[in-house]
Amino acid sequence: MQLLTLGVNHHTAPLAIREQVAFGPEKLVQALHELTQSQRASEVAILSTCNRTELYVNTPSPDDVAVTKLMVEAGRLLDIPVHDHLVIGQQRFVSLKERGLGFS
């Protein structure tokens, strides 16, 4: 898994930009829902204050996807179906098949 971060603050962006990327209460729930339902992110956190907006996204790493592709290809060569590749963490898991990663 890899943690991606993106943010702007009063040191890196003028007020006009910070206002465009701010998440008010009415947009926050929808944004969290859309990001976690995108089939790419397993966990998302958004911090949005008057001075900064930060997004933290936990997503399968390129190595996770590469291993999945290798397992699927090896399964094809051996005529053994690979049904899924799960990445398991602290009381959670991510199905790479559900996210459309590594299975073609």
PDB file of N, CA and C in Angstrom:
ATOM      1  N   MET A   1       0.848  -1.168   0.000  1.00  0.00           N
ATOM      2  CA  MET A   1       0.000   0.000   0.000  1.00  0.00           C
ATOM      3  C   MET A   1       0.900   1.239   0.000  1.00  0.00           C
ATOM      4  N   GLN A   2       0.361   2.296  -0.554  1.00  0.00           N
ATOM      5  CA  GLN A   2       1.108   3.553  -0.532  1.00  0.00           C
ATOM      6  C   GLN A   2       0.185   4.675  -0.087  1.00  0.00           C
ATOM      7  N   LEU A   3       0.764   5.612   0.634  1.00  0.00           N
ATOM      8  CA  LEU A   3       0.018   6.757   1.112  1.00  0.00           C
ATOM      9  C   LEU A   3       0.362   7.947   0.233  1.00  0.00           C
ATOM     10  N   LEU A   4      -0.652   8.511  -0.405  1.00  0.00           N
ATOM     11  CA  LEU A   4      -0.474   9.688  -1.248  1.00  0.00           C
ATOM     12  C   LEU A   4      -0.989  10.899  -0.486  1.00  0.00           C
ATOM     13  N   THR A   5      -0.270  11.999  -0.592  1.00  0.00           N
ATOM     14  CA  THR A   5      -0.704  13.231   0.065  1.00  0.00           C
ATOM     15  C   THR A   5      -0.703  14.371  -0.936  1.00  0.00           C
ATOM     16  N   LEU A   6      -1.627  15.275  -0.737  1.00  0.00           N
ATOM     17  CA  LEU A   6      -1.741  16.467  -1.573  1.00  0.00           C
ATOM     18  C   LEU A   6      -2.241  17.578  -0.678  1.00  0.00           C
ATOM     19  N   GLY A   7      -1.621  18.728  -0.764  1.00  0.00           N
ATOM     20  CA  GLY A   7      -2.077  19.809   0.096  1.00  0.00           C
ATOM     21  C   GLY A   7      -1.632  21.178  -0.371  1.00  0.00           C
ATOM     22  N   VAL A   8      -2.389  22.151   0.057  1.00  0.00           N
ATOM     23  CA  VAL A   8      -2.028  23.558  -0.132  1.00  0.00           C
ATOM     24  C   VAL A   8      -2.239  24.258   1.206  1.00  0.00           C
ATOM     25  N   ASN A   9      -1.443  25.296   1.444  1.00  0.00           N
ATOM     26  CA  ASN A   9      -1.613  26.066   2.671  1.00  0.00           C
ATOM     27  C   ASN A   9      -1.285  27.529   2.407  1.00  0.00           C
ATOM     28  N   HIS A  10      -1.317  28.322   3.460  1.00  0.00           N
ATOM     29  CA  HIS A  10      -1.109  29.758   3.297  1.00  0.00           C
ATOM     30  C   HIS A  10       0.313  30.110   2.869  1.00  0.00           C
ATOM     31  N   HIS A  11       1.234  29.161   2.955  1.00  0.00           N
ATOM     32  CA  HIS A  11       2.603  29.393   2.480  1.00  0.00           C
ATOM     33  C   HIS A  11       2.757  29.054   0.995  1.00  0.00           C
ATOM     34  N   THR A  12       1.908  28.147   0.493  1.00  0.00           N
ATOM     35  CA  THR A  12       2.101  27.644  -0.872  1.00  0.00           C
ATOM     36  C   THR A  12       1.077  28.133  -1.879  1.00  0.00           C
ATOM     37  N   ALA A  13      -0.027  28.720  -1.408  1.00  0.00           N
ATOM     38  CA  ALA A  13      -1.079  29.137  -2.351  1.00  0.00           C
ATOM     39  C   ALA A  13      -1.776  30.397  -1.830  1.00  0.00           C
ATOM     40  N   PRO A  14      -2.136  31.289  -2.744  1.00  0.00           N
ATOM     41  CA  PRO A  14      -2.876  32.487  -2.319  1.00  0.00           C
ATOM     42  C   PRO A  14      -4.299  32.124  -1.888  1.00  0.00           C
ATOM     43  N   LEU A  15      -4.938  33.051  -1.221  1.00  0.00           N
ATOM     44  CA  LEU A  15      -6.288  32.842  -0.700  1.00  0.00           C
ATOM     45  C   LEU A  15      -7.268  32.406  -1.787  1.00  0.00           C
ATOM     46  N   ALA A  16      -7.186  32.983  -2.973  1.00  0.00           N
ATOM     47  CA  ALA A  16      -8.119  32.641  -4.059  1.00  0.00           C
ATOM     48  C   ALA A  16      -8.043  31.153  -4.409  1.00  0.00           C
ATOM     49  N   ILE A  17      -6.852  30.582  -4.409  1.00  0.00           N
ATOM     50  CA  ILE A  17      -6.685  29.152  -4.699  1.00  0.00           C
ATOM     51  C   ILE A  17      -7.194  28.319  -3.523  1.00  0.00           C
ATOM     52  N   ARG A  18      -6.845  28.710  -2.303  1.00  0.00           N
ATOM     53  CA  ARG A  18      -7.286  27.960  -1.123  1.00  0.00           C
ATOM     54  C   ARG A  18      -8.805  27.922  -1.023  1.00  0.00           C
ATOM     55  N   GLU A  19      -9.465  29.008  -1.408  1.00  0.00           N
ATOM     56  CA  GLU A  19     -10.930  29.029  -1.393  1.00  0.00           C
ATOM     57  C   GLU A  19     -11.517  28.037  -2.393  1.00  0.00           C
ATOM     58  N   GLN A  20     -10.851  27.841  -3.524  1.00  0.00           N
ATOM     59  CA  GLN A  20     -11.349  26.915  -4.548  1.00  0.00           C
ATOM     60  C   GLN A  20     -11.225  25.455  -4.128  1.00  0.00           C
ATOM     61  N   VAL A  21     -10.234  25.145  -3.310  1.00  0.00           N
ATOM     62  CA  VAL A  21     -10.005  23.746  -2.932  1.00  0.00           C
ATOM     63  C   VAL A  21     -10.474  23.432  -1.515  1.00  0.00           C
ATOM     64  N   ALA A  22     -11.140  24.372  -0.861  1.00  0.00           N
ATOM     65  CA  ALA A  22     -11.646  24.140   0.491  1.00  0.00           C
ATOM     66  C   ALA A  22     -12.854  23.203   0.447  1.00  0.00           C
ATOM     67  N   PHE A  23     -12.979  22.378   1.464  1.00  0.00           N
ATOM     68  CA  PHE A  23     -14.114  21.466   1.599  1.00  0.00           C
ATOM     69  C   PHE A  23     -14.961  21.942   2.769  1.00  0.00           C
ATOM     70  N   GLY A  24     -16.106  22.512   2.459  1.00  0.00           N
ATOM     71  CA  GLY A  24     -17.055  22.874   3.503  1.00  0.00           C
ATOM     72  C   GLY A  24     -17.799  21.634   3.953  1.00  0.00           C
ATOM     73  N   PRO A  25     -18.562  21.732   5.049  1.00  0.00           N
ATOM     74  CA  PRO A  25     -19.281  20.553   5.552  1.00  0.00           C
ATOM     75  C   PRO A  25     -20.198  19.909   4.510  1.00  0.00           C
ATOM     76  N   GLU A  26     -20.799  20.717   3.653  1.00  0.00           N
ATOM     77  CA  GLU A  26     -21.718  20.174   2.654  1.00  0.00           C
ATOM     78  C   GLU A  26     -20.991  19.386   1.563  1.00  0.00           C
ATOM     79  N   LYS A  27     -19.703  19.683   1.315  1.00  0.00           N
ATOM     80  CA  LYS A  27     -18.953  18.979   0.274  1.00  0.00           C
ATOM     81  C   LYS A  27     -18.091  17.853   0.832  1.00  0.00           C
ATOM     82  N   LEU A  28     -17.814  17.898   2.122  1.00  0.00           N
ATOM     83  CA  LEU A  28     -16.875  16.950   2.708  1.00  0.00           C
ATOM     84  C   LEU A  28     -17.370  15.509   2.646  1.00  0.00           C
ATOM     85  N   VAL A  29     -18.585  15.264   3.061  1.00  0.00           N
ATOM     86  CA  VAL A  29     -19.119  13.898   3.068  1.00  0.00           C
ATOM     87  C   VAL A  29     -19.180  13.335   1.652  1.00  0.00           C
ATOM     88  N   GLN A  30     -19.648  14.135   0.706  1.00  0.00           N
ATOM     89  CA  GLN A  30     -19.727  13.687  -0.680  1.00  0.00           C
ATOM     90  C   GLN A  30     -18.333  13.384  -1.235  1.00  0.00           C
ATOM     91  N   ALA A  31     -17.359  14.235  -0.950  1.00  0.00           N
ATOM     92  CA  ALA A  31     -15.995  14.020  -1.450  1.00  0.00           C
ATOM     93  C   ALA A  31     -15.398  12.736  -0.877  1.00  0.00           C
ATOM     94  N   LEU A  32     -15.569  12.511   0.413  1.00  0.00           N
ATOM     95  CA  LEU A  32     -15.058  11.282   1.029  1.00  0.00           C
ATOM     96  C   LEU A  32     -15.712  10.051   0.406  1.00  0.00           C
ATOM     97  N   HIS A  33     -17.016  10.117   0.215  1.00  0.00           N
ATOM     98  CA  HIS A  33     -17.741   8.994  -0.395  1.00  0.00           C
ATOM     99  C   HIS A  33     -17.243   8.732  -1.814  1.00  0.00           C
ATOM    100  N   GLU A  34     -17.134   9.767  -2.620  1.00  0.00           N
ATOM    101  CA  GLU A  34     -16.707   9.592  -4.008  1.00  0.00           C
ATOM    102  C   GLU A  34     -15.286   9.051  -4.097  1.00  0.00           C
ATOM    103  N   LEU A  35     -14.399   9.537  -3.251  1.00  0.00           N
ATOM    104  CA  LEU A  35     -13.017   9.070  -3.298  1.00  0.00           C
ATOM    105  C   LEU A  35     -12.900   7.605  -2.869  1.00  0.00           C
ATOM    106  N   THR A  36     -13.635   7.202  -1.842  1.00  0.00           N
ATOM    107  CA  THR A  36     -13.536   5.808  -1.400  1.00  0.00           C
ATOM    108  C   THR A  36     -14.291   4.861  -2.321  1.00  0.00           C
ATOM    109  N   GLN A  37     -15.255   5.355  -3.080  1.00  0.00           N
ATOM    110  CA  GLN A  37     -15.994   4.521  -4.022  1.00  0.00           C
ATOM    111  C   GLN A  37     -15.331   4.485  -5.396  1.00  0.00           C
ATOM    112  N   SER A  38     -14.232   5.182  -5.570  1.00  0.00           N
ATOM    113  CA  SER A  38     -13.583   5.282  -6.877  1.00  0.00           C
ATOM    114  C   SER A  38     -12.874   3.995  -7.287  1.00  0.00           C
ATOM    115  N   GLN A  39     -12.834   3.006  -6.410  1.00  0.00           N
ATOM    116  CA  GLN A  39     -12.158   1.732  -6.659  1.00  0.00           C
ATOM    117  C   GLN A  39     -10.645   1.871  -6.724  1.00  0.00           C
ATOM    118  N   ARG A  40     -10.107   3.015  -6.372  1.00  0.00           N
ATOM    119  CA  ARG A  40      -8.658   3.187  -6.332  1.00  0.00           C
ATOM    120  C   ARG A  40      -8.171   3.425  -4.908  1.00  0.00           C
ATOM    121  N   ALA A  41      -8.943   4.091  -4.087  1.00  0.00           N
ATOM    122  CA  ALA A  41      -8.538   4.420  -2.728  1.00  0.00           C
ATOM    123  C   ALA A  41      -9.249   3.517  -1.734  1.00  0.00           C
ATOM    124  N   SER A  42      -8.489   2.998  -0.766  1.00  0.00           N
ATOM    125  CA  SER A  42      -9.115   2.186   0.270  1.00  0.00           C
ATOM    126  C   SER A  42      -9.452   3.013   1.496  1.00  0.00           C
ATOM    127  N   GLU A  43      -8.693   4.055   1.736  1.00  0.00           N
ATOM    128  CA  GLU A  43      -8.953   4.948   2.856  1.00  0.00           C
ATOM    129  C   GLU A  43      -8.636   6.371   2.428  1.00  0.00           C
ATOM    130  N   VAL A  44      -9.407   7.320   2.945  1.00  0.00           N
ATOM    131  CA  VAL A  44      -9.208   8.724   2.590  1.00  0.00           C
ATOM    132  C   VAL A  44      -9.425   9.579   3.836  1.00  0.00           C
ATOM    133  N   ALA A  45      -8.578  10.587   3.992  1.00  0.00           N
ATOM    134  CA  ALA A  45      -8.789  11.593   5.038  1.00  0.00           C
ATOM    135  C   ALA A  45      -8.631  12.960   4.381  1.00  0.00           C
ATOM    136  N   ILE A  46      -9.503  13.878   4.746  1.00  0.00           N
ATOM    137  CA  ILE A  46      -9.438  15.251   4.238  1.00  0.00           C
ATOM    138  C   ILE A  46      -9.385  16.189   5.430  1.00  0.00           C
ATOM    139  N   LEU A  47      -8.396  17.060   5.417  1.00  0.00           N
ATOM    140  CA  LEU A  47      -8.281  18.106   6.429  1.00  0.00           C
ATOM    141  C   LEU A  47      -8.461  19.433   5.708  1.00  0.00           C
ATOM    142  N   SER A  48      -9.471  20.180   6.078  1.00  0.00           N
ATOM    143  CA  SER A  48      -9.747  21.450   5.410  1.00  0.00           C
ATOM    144  C   SER A  48     -10.050  22.505   6.469  1.00  0.00           C
ATOM    145  N   THR A  49      -9.155  23.483   6.569  1.00  0.00           N
ATOM    146  CA  THR A  49      -9.326  24.587   7.513  1.00  0.00           C
ATOM    147  C   THR A  49      -9.263  25.898   6.736  1.00  0.00           C
ATOM    148  N   CYS A  50      -9.305  27.005   7.454  1.00  0.00           N
ATOM    149  CA  CYS A  50      -9.223  28.305   6.773  1.00  0.00           C
ATOM    150  C   CYS A  50      -7.848  28.542   6.155  1.00  0.00           C
ATOM    151  N   ASN A  51      -6.828  27.844   6.623  1.00  0.00           N
ATOM    152  CA  ASN A  51      -5.468  28.065   6.124  1.00  0.00           C
ATOM    153  C   ASN A  51      -4.932  26.974   5.219  1.00  0.00           C
ATOM    154  N   ARG A  52      -5.589  25.812   5.196  1.00  0.00           N
ATOM    155  CA  ARG A  52      -5.034  24.726   4.389  1.00  0.00           C
ATOM    156  C   ARG A  52      -6.077  23.678   4.060  1.00  0.00           C
ATOM    157  N   THR A  53      -5.791  22.927   2.996  1.00  0.00           N
ATOM    158  CA  THR A  53      -6.552  21.740   2.626  1.00  0.00           C
ATOM    159  C   THR A  53      -5.541  20.649   2.329  1.00  0.00           C
ATOM    160  N   GLU A  54      -5.744  19.488   2.945  1.00  0.00           N
ATOM    161  CA  GLU A  54      -4.851  18.355   2.746  1.00  0.00           C
ATOM    162  C   GLU A  54      -5.679  17.105   2.492  1.00  0.00           C
ATOM    163  N   LEU A  55      -5.247  16.301   1.537  1.00  0.00           N
ATOM    164  CA  LEU A  55      -5.869  15.006   1.254  1.00  0.00           C
ATOM    165  C   LEU A  55      -4.835  13.928   1.504  1.00  0.00           C
ATOM    166  N   TYR A  56      -5.258  12.882   2.183  1.00  0.00           N
ATOM    167  CA  TYR A  56      -4.430  11.708   2.427  1.00  0.00           C
ATOM    168  C   TYR A  56      -5.187  10.511   1.865  1.00  0.00           C
ATOM    169  N   VAL A  57      -4.557   9.784   0.954  1.00  0.00           N
ATOM    170  CA  VAL A  57      -5.224   8.679   0.270  1.00  0.00           C
ATOM    171  C   VAL A  57      -4.347   7.438   0.372  1.00  0.00           C
ATOM    172  N   ASN A  58      -4.919   6.353   0.874  1.00  0.00           N
ATOM    173  CA  ASN A  58      -4.235   5.074   0.950  1.00  0.00           C
ATOM    174  C   ASN A  58      -4.694   4.236  -0.239  1.00  0.00           C
ATOM    175  N   THR A  59      -3.753   3.779  -1.031  1.00  0.00           N
ATOM    176  CA  THR A  59      -4.082   3.074  -2.262  1.00  0.00           C
ATOM    177  C   THR A  59      -3.079   1.940  -2.494  1.00  0.00           C
ATOM    178  N   PRO A  60      -3.474   0.890  -3.199  1.00  0.00           N
ATOM    179  CA  PRO A  60      -2.502  -0.155  -3.520  1.00  0.00           C
ATOM    180  C   PRO A  60      -1.303   0.430  -4.279  1.00  0.00           C
ATOM    181  N   SER A  61      -0.120  -0.056  -3.944  1.00  0.00           N
ATOM    182  CA  SER A  61       1.094   0.449  -4.579  1.00  0.00           C
ATOM    183  C   SER A  61       1.285  -0.169  -5.961  1.00  0.00           C
ATOM    184  N   PRO A  62       2.153   0.432  -6.773  1.00  0.00           N
ATOM    185  CA  PRO A  62       2.479  -0.174  -8.069  1.00  0.00           C
ATOM    186  C   PRO A  62       3.039  -1.598  -7.912  1.00  0.00           C
ATOM    187  N   ASP A  63       3.773  -1.838  -6.815  1.00  0.00           N
ATOM    188  CA  ASP A  63       4.297  -3.184  -6.568  1.00  0.00           C
ATOM    189  C   ASP A  63       3.167  -4.177  -6.319  1.00  0.00           C
ATOM    190  N   ASP A  64       2.126  -3.750  -5.579  1.00  0.00           N
ATOM    191  CA  ASP A  64       0.967  -4.621  -5.349  1.00  0.00           C
ATOM    192  C   ASP A  64       0.331  -5.016  -6.683  1.00  0.00           C
ATOM    193  N   VAL A  65       0.166  -4.051  -7.564  1.00  0.00           N
ATOM    194  CA  VAL A  65      -0.457  -4.302  -8.867  1.00  0.00           C
ATOM    195  C   VAL A  65       0.442  -5.194  -9.725  1.00  0.00           C
ATOM    196  N   ALA A  66       1.752  -4.958  -9.686  1.00  0.00           N
ATOM    197  CA  ALA A  66       2.689  -5.772 -10.474  1.00  0.00           C
ATOM    198  C   ALA A  66       2.669  -7.228 -10.014  1.00  0.00           C
ATOM    199  N   VAL A  67       2.639  -7.453  -8.705  1.00  0.00           N
ATOM    200  CA  VAL A  67       2.580  -8.823  -8.183  1.00  0.00           C
ATOM    201  C   VAL A  67       1.276  -9.489  -8.614  1.00  0.00           C
ATOM    202  N   THR A  68       0.189  -8.747  -8.579  1.00  0.00           N
ATOM    203  CA  THR A  68      -1.103  -9.289  -9.009  1.00  0.00           C
ATOM    204  C   THR A  68      -1.040  -9.728 -10.466  1.00  0.00           C
ATOM    205  N   LYS A  69      -0.488  -8.871 -11.317  1.00  0.00           N
ATOM    206  CA  LYS A  69      -0.374  -9.217 -12.745  1.00  0.00           C
ATOM    207  C   LYS A  69       0.468 -10.480 -12.933  1.00  0.00           C
ATOM    208  N   LEU A  70       1.564 -10.596 -12.192  1.00  0.00           N
ATOM    209  CA  LEU A  70       2.404 -11.801 -12.286  1.00  0.00           C
ATOM    210  C   LEU A  70       1.645 -13.042 -11.836  1.00  0.00           C
ATOM    211  N   MET A  71       0.905 -12.937 -10.747  1.00  0.00           N
ATOM    212  CA  MET A  71       0.132 -14.091 -10.260  1.00  0.00           C
ATOM    213  C   MET A  71      -0.927 -14.504 -11.279  1.00  0.00           C
ATOM    214  N   VAL A  72      -1.615 -13.539 -11.855  1.00  0.00           N
ATOM    215  CA  VAL A  72      -2.652 -13.838 -12.834  1.00  0.00           C
ATOM    216  C   VAL A  72      -2.048 -14.502 -14.072  1.00  0.00           C
ATOM    217  N   GLU A  73      -0.923 -13.966 -14.554  1.00  0.00           N
ATOM    218  CA  GLU A  73      -0.264 -14.545 -15.725  1.00  0.00           C
ATOM    219  C   GLU A  73       0.249 -15.953 -15.429  1.00  0.00           C
ATOM    220  N   ALA A  74       0.856 -16.158 -14.246  1.00  0.00           N
ATOM    221  CA  ALA A  74       1.318 -17.495 -13.867  1.00  0.00           C
ATOM    222  C   ALA A  74       0.139 -18.458 -13.781  1.00  0.00           C
ATOM    223  N   GLY A  75      -0.973 -17.978 -13.248  1.00  0.00           N
ATOM    224  CA  GLY A  75      -2.168 -18.818 -13.183  1.00  0.00           C
ATOM    225  C   GLY A  75      -2.648 -19.228 -14.564  1.00  0.00           C
ATOM    226  N   ARG A  76      -2.598 -18.317 -15.506  1.00  0.00           N
ATOM    227  CA  ARG A  76      -3.008 -18.652 -16.887  1.00  0.00           C
ATOM    228  C   ARG A  76      -2.097 -19.720 -17.478  1.00  0.00           C
ATOM    229  N   LEU A  77      -0.779 -19.553 -17.290  1.00  0.00           N
ATOM    230  CA  LEU A  77       0.183 -20.515 -17.825  1.00  0.00           C
ATOM    231  C   LEU A  77      -0.005 -21.906 -17.221  1.00  0.00           C
ATOM    232  N   LEU A  78      -0.360 -21.956 -15.947  1.00  0.00           N
ATOM    233  CA  LEU A  78      -0.540 -23.228 -15.248  1.00  0.00           C
ATOM    234  C   LEU A  78      -1.983 -23.721 -15.267  1.00  0.00           C
ATOM    235  N   ASP A  79      -2.854 -22.948 -15.919  1.00  0.00           N
ATOM    236  CA  ASP A  79      -4.280 -23.262 -15.981  1.00  0.00           C
ATOM    237  C   ASP A  79      -4.900 -23.352 -14.576  1.00  0.00           C
ATOM    238  N   ILE A  80      -4.475 -22.401 -13.727  1.00  0.00           N
ATOM    239  CA  ILE A  80      -5.013 -22.290 -12.367  1.00  0.00           C
ATOM    240  C   ILE A  80      -5.639 -20.898 -12.253  1.00  0.00           C
ATOM    241  N   PRO A  81      -6.943 -20.813 -12.031  1.00  0.00           N
ATOM    242  CA  PRO A  81      -7.562 -19.488 -11.951  1.00  0.00           C
ATOM    243  C   PRO A  81      -7.149 -18.734 -10.678  1.00  0.00           C
ATOM    244  N   VAL A  82      -6.807 -17.494 -10.831  1.00  0.00           N
ATOM    245  CA  VAL A  82      -6.538 -16.617  -9.689  1.00  0.00           C
ATOM    246  C   VAL A  82      -7.801 -15.785  -9.502  1.00  0.00           C
ATOM    247  N   HIS A  83      -8.466 -15.987  -8.386  1.00  0.00           N
ATOM    248  CA  HIS A  83      -9.753 -15.336  -8.161  1.00  0.00           C
ATOM    249  C   HIS A  83      -9.617 -13.929  -7.591  1.00  0.00           C
ATOM    250  N   ASP A  84      -8.550 -13.665  -6.868  1.00  0.00           N
ATOM    251  CA  ASP A  84      -8.381 -12.345  -6.265  1.00  0.00           C
ATOM    252  C   ASP A  84      -6.986 -12.244  -5.682  1.00  0.00           C
ATOM    253  N   HIS A  85      -6.578 -11.040  -5.355  1.00  0.00           N
ATOM    254  CA  HIS A  85      -5.353 -10.763  -4.607  1.00  0.00           C
ATOM    255  C   HIS A  85      -5.750  -9.779  -3.522  1.00  0.00           C
ATOM    256  N   LEU A  86      -5.625 -10.220  -2.285  1.00  0.00           N
ATOM    257  CA  LEU A  86      -5.996  -9.377  -1.157  1.00  0.00           C
ATOM    258  C   LEU A  86      -4.745  -8.830  -0.487  1.00  0.00           C
ATOM    259  N   VAL A  87      -4.757  -7.547  -0.183  1.00  0.00           N
ATOM    260  CA  VAL A  87      -3.724  -6.922   0.629  1.00  0.00           C
ATOM    261  C   VAL A  87      -4.378  -6.688   1.986  1.00  0.00           C
ATOM    262  N   ILE A  88      -3.815  -7.332   3.010  1.00  0.00           N
ATOM    263  CA  ILE A  88      -4.437  -7.317   4.329  1.00  0.00           C
ATOM    264  C   ILE A  88      -3.605  -6.458   5.268  1.00  0.00           C
ATOM    265  N   GLY A  89      -4.295  -5.578   5.995  1.00  0.00           N
ATOM    266  CA  GLY A  89      -3.644  -4.707   6.965  1.00  0.00           C
ATOM    267  C   GLY A  89      -4.356  -4.783   8.293  1.00  0.00           C
ATOM    268  N   GLN A  90      -4.243  -3.746   9.054  1.00  0.00           N
ATOM    269  CA  GLN A  90      -4.814  -3.705  10.391  1.00  0.00           C
ATOM    270  C   GLN A  90      -6.337  -3.749  10.336  1.00  0.00           C
ATOM    271  N   GLN A  91      -6.886  -4.936  10.505  1.00  0.00           N
ATOM    272  CA  GLN A  91      -8.323  -5.182  10.533  1.00  0.00           C
ATOM    273  C   GLN A  91      -9.047  -4.724   9.268  1.00  0.00           C
ATOM    274  N   ARG A  92      -8.328  -4.599   8.147  1.00  0.00           N
ATOM    275  CA  ARG A  92      -8.920  -4.213   6.869  1.00  0.00           C
ATOM    276  C   ARG A  92      -8.250  -5.008   5.768  1.00  0.00           C
ATOM    277  N   PHE A  93      -8.886  -5.018   4.612  1.00  0.00           N
ATOM    278  CA  PHE A  93      -8.260  -5.617   3.444  1.00  0.00           C
ATOM    279  C   PHE A  93      -8.708  -4.858   2.205  1.00  0.00           C
ATOM    280  N   VAL A  94      -7.919  -5.011   1.151  1.00  0.00           N
ATOM    281  CA  VAL A  94      -8.245  -4.425  -0.140  1.00  0.00           C
ATOM    282  C   VAL A  94      -8.220  -5.543  -1.165  1.00  0.00           C
ATOM    283  N   SER A  95      -9.292  -5.658  -1.921  1.00  0.00           N
ATOM    284  CA  SER A  95      -9.366  -6.618  -3.010  1.00  0.00           C
ATOM    285  C   SER A  95      -8.925  -5.910  -4.283  1.00  0.00           C
ATOM    286  N   LEU A  96      -7.798  -6.344  -4.858  1.00  0.00           N
ATOM    287  CA  LEU A  96      -7.340  -5.718  -6.089  1.00  0.00           C
ATOM    288  C   LEU A  96      -8.257  -6.060  -7.252  1.00  0.00           C
ATOM    289  N   LYS A  97      -8.926  -7.209  -7.192  1.00  0.00           N
ATOM    290  CA  LYS A  97      -9.873  -7.552  -8.255  1.00  0.00           C
ATOM    291  C   LYS A  97     -11.060  -6.607  -8.224  1.00  0.00           C
ATOM    292  N   GLU A  98     -11.615  -6.337  -7.034  1.00  0.00           N
ATOM    293  CA  GLU A  98     -12.738  -5.399  -6.921  1.00  0.00           C
ATOM    294  C   GLU A  98     -12.368  -4.023  -7.433  1.00  0.00           C
ATOM    295  N   ARG A  99     -11.114  -3.646  -7.272  1.00  0.00           N
ATOM    296  CA  ARG A  99     -10.656  -2.322  -7.693  1.00  0.00           C
ATOM    297  C   ARG A  99     -10.189  -2.310  -9.151  1.00  0.00           C
ATOM    298  N   GLY A 100     -10.239  -3.466  -9.792  1.00  0.00           N
ATOM    299  CA  GLY A 100      -9.861  -3.526 -11.208  1.00  0.00           C
ATOM    300  C   GLY A 100      -8.370  -3.360 -11.439  1.00  0.00           C
ATOM    301  N   LEU A 101      -7.564  -3.769 -10.470  1.00  0.00           N
ATOM    302  CA  LEU A 101      -6.118  -3.585 -10.572  1.00  0.00           C
ATOM    303  C   LEU A 101      -5.411  -4.921 -10.765  1.00  0.00           C
ATOM    304  N   GLY A 102      -4.751  -5.090 -11.902  1.00  0.00           N
ATOM    305  CA  GLY A 102      -3.967  -6.284 -12.160  1.00  0.00           C
ATOM    306  C   GLY A 102      -4.717  -7.410 -12.837  1.00  0.00           C
ATOM    307  N   PHE A 103      -6.027  -7.308 -12.946  1.00  0.00           N
ATOM    308  CA  PHE A 103      -6.824  -8.331 -13.606  1.00  0.00           C
ATOM    309  C   PHE A 103      -7.337  -7.752 -14.929  1.00  0.00           C
ATOM    310  N   SER A 104      -7.053  -8.458 -16.019  1.00  0.00           N
ATOM    311  CA  SER A 104      -7.540  -7.941 -17.309  1.00  0.00           C
ATOM    312  C   SER A 104      -8.439  -8.931 -17.994  1.00  0.00           C
TER     313      SER A 104
END
